[in-house]
Structure formats: C-alpha cells, structure tokens
C-alpha cells in the first residue's frame, strides 16, 4: 500500500478592501494556504497590509489604513 499524502490546499481567497480615505481595492488575492482557522480573515488583513507595504515601497505611493475587509462575493 502507498503512503497517504497530506492534502495541500491550492488557490486563492479574494478580498475586497475599503481604506479609511474611501478608496477601494477589489479582488485582492491571498493564498488559501495562509487563510485558516477561526482567525483566518484577521490573518488576511495582516497579509494584505504586508502586500500594501511592498507595493508602496516599489511605487512610492503609500496606502492609508484599512477600514474594512470582506471576502469578495462569489467565493
């Protein structure tokens, strides 16, 4: 009999973000493997903030603080 392999989750979870200045960012991707448990969406917020920091470092344009974060519809 062969070995059982651990299931690896692939894909992305999409989130819509509204910043405190009213701007919106739709369908932000977070790897599904990094979302999980009861605090999954809280973890997503910190991952999106990290993405924002990387983007602002490359572009020189800073994003404001996140006001709300919700999963994109259709997920």
C-alpha atoms as a PDB file:
ATOM      1  CA  UNK A   1       0.000   0.000   0.000  1.00  0.00           C
ATOM      2  CA  UNK A   2       1.215   3.502  -0.812  1.00  0.00           C
ATOM      3  CA  UNK A   3       1.781   6.311   1.605  1.00  0.00           C
ATOM      4  CA  UNK A   4      -1.054   8.696   2.297  1.00  0.00           C
ATOM      5  CA  UNK A   5      -0.138  12.192   1.297  1.00  0.00           C
ATOM      6  CA  UNK A   6      -1.160  15.224   3.245  1.00  0.00           C
ATOM      7  CA  UNK A   7      -3.667  17.313   1.348  1.00  0.00           C
ATOM      8  CA  UNK A   8      -2.222  20.617   0.207  1.00  0.00           C
ATOM      9  CA  UNK A   9      -4.699  23.391  -0.393  1.00  0.00           C
ATOM     10  CA  UNK A  10      -4.058  25.416  -3.526  1.00  0.00           C
ATOM     11  CA  UNK A  11      -5.693  28.505  -4.892  1.00  0.00           C
ATOM     12  CA  UNK A  12      -6.540  31.921  -3.616  1.00  0.00           C
ATOM     13  CA  UNK A  13      -9.161  33.652  -1.496  1.00  0.00           C
ATOM     14  CA  UNK A  14     -10.242  37.046  -2.784  1.00  0.00           C
ATOM     15  CA  UNK A  15     -10.955  40.027  -0.544  1.00  0.00           C
ATOM     16  CA  UNK A  16     -12.430  43.498  -1.084  1.00  0.00           C
ATOM     17  CA  UNK A  17     -10.769  46.232   0.961  1.00  0.00           C
ATOM     18  CA  UNK A  18     -12.016  49.716   1.795  1.00  0.00           C
ATOM     19  CA  UNK A  19      -9.446  52.141   3.150  1.00  0.00           C
ATOM     20  CA  UNK A  20     -10.174  54.924   5.634  1.00  0.00           C
ATOM     21  CA  UNK A  21      -9.822  57.556   2.904  1.00  0.00           C
ATOM     22  CA  UNK A  22     -12.694  55.885   0.993  1.00  0.00           C
ATOM     23  CA  UNK A  23     -10.634  54.203  -1.731  1.00  0.00           C
ATOM     24  CA  UNK A  24     -11.438  50.616  -2.579  1.00  0.00           C
ATOM     25  CA  UNK A  25      -9.329  47.685  -3.718  1.00  0.00           C
ATOM     26  CA  UNK A  26     -11.286  44.736  -5.094  1.00  0.00           C
ATOM     27  CA  UNK A  27     -10.364  41.094  -5.516  1.00  0.00           C
ATOM     28  CA  UNK A  28      -7.092  41.134  -3.594  1.00  0.00           C
ATOM     29  CA  UNK A  29      -5.593  37.645  -3.644  1.00  0.00           C
ATOM     30  CA  UNK A  30      -4.372  35.826  -0.568  1.00  0.00           C
ATOM     31  CA  UNK A  31      -3.102  32.244  -0.884  1.00  0.00           C
ATOM     32  CA  UNK A  32      -5.711  29.869   0.553  1.00  0.00           C
ATOM     33  CA  UNK A  33      -2.939  28.015   2.377  1.00  0.00           C
ATOM     34  CA  UNK A  34      -2.338  31.130   4.506  1.00  0.00           C
ATOM     35  CA  UNK A  35      -6.003  31.540   5.459  1.00  0.00           C
ATOM     36  CA  UNK A  36      -7.409  29.196   8.016  1.00  0.00           C
ATOM     37  CA  UNK A  37      -8.937  28.625  11.371  1.00  0.00           C
ATOM     38  CA  UNK A  38     -11.267  30.938  13.198  1.00  0.00           C
ATOM     39  CA  UNK A  39      -8.992  33.966  12.755  1.00  0.00           C
ATOM     40  CA  UNK A  40      -8.497  33.475   9.002  1.00  0.00           C
ATOM     41  CA  UNK A  41      -9.817  36.870   7.943  1.00  0.00           C
ATOM     42  CA  UNK A  42      -7.808  38.610  10.671  1.00  0.00           C
ATOM     43  CA  UNK A  43      -4.716  36.912   9.291  1.00  0.00           C
ATOM     44  CA  UNK A  44      -5.724  38.062   5.792  1.00  0.00           C
ATOM     45  CA  UNK A  45      -5.723  41.682   6.960  1.00  0.00           C
ATOM     46  CA  UNK A  46      -2.109  41.466   8.088  1.00  0.00           C
ATOM     47  CA  UNK A  47      -1.138  39.759   4.816  1.00  0.00           C
ATOM     48  CA  UNK A  48      -2.856  42.476   2.776  1.00  0.00           C
ATOM     49  CA  UNK A  49      -1.130  45.176   4.852  1.00  0.00           C
ATOM     50  CA  UNK A  50       2.189  43.461   4.056  1.00  0.00           C
ATOM     51  CA  UNK A  51       1.280  43.465   0.336  1.00  0.00           C
ATOM     52  CA  UNK A  52       0.446  47.174   0.601  1.00  0.00           C
ATOM     53  CA  UNK A  53       3.848  47.888   2.195  1.00  0.00           C
ATOM     54  CA  UNK A  54       5.665  46.078  -0.621  1.00  0.00           C
ATOM     55  CA  UNK A  55       3.626  47.879  -3.278  1.00  0.00           C
ATOM     56  CA  UNK A  56       4.228  51.279  -1.653  1.00  0.00           C
ATOM     57  CA  UNK A  57       7.964  50.581  -1.397  1.00  0.00           C
ATOM     58  CA  UNK A  58       8.095  49.919  -5.140  1.00  0.00           C
ATOM     59  CA  UNK A  59       5.746  52.712  -6.250  1.00  0.00           C
ATOM     60  CA  UNK A  60       6.483  55.377  -3.640  1.00  0.00           C
ATOM     61  CA  UNK A  61       2.734  55.839  -3.027  1.00  0.00           C
ATOM     62  CA  UNK A  62       1.518  54.990   0.484  1.00  0.00           C
ATOM     63  CA  UNK A  63      -1.883  53.444   1.215  1.00  0.00           C
ATOM     64  CA  UNK A  64      -3.918  54.607   4.160  1.00  0.00           C
ATOM     65  CA  UNK A  65      -5.069  52.321   6.961  1.00  0.00           C
ATOM     66  CA  UNK A  66      -7.635  49.632   6.173  1.00  0.00           C
ATOM     67  CA  UNK A  67     -11.170  50.449   7.314  1.00  0.00           C
ATOM     68  CA  UNK A  68     -12.940  47.199   6.352  1.00  0.00           C
ATOM     69  CA  UNK A  69     -12.053  43.901   4.749  1.00  0.00           C
ATOM     70  CA  UNK A  70     -14.586  41.371   3.447  1.00  0.00           C
ATOM     71  CA  UNK A  71     -14.410  38.327   1.236  1.00  0.00           C
ATOM     72  CA  UNK A  72     -15.279  39.081  -2.365  1.00  0.00           C
ATOM     73  CA  UNK A  73     -18.753  37.909  -3.446  1.00  0.00           C
ATOM     74  CA  UNK A  74     -18.970  34.623  -5.291  1.00  0.00           C
ATOM     75  CA  UNK A  75     -16.448  32.823  -3.129  1.00  0.00           C
END
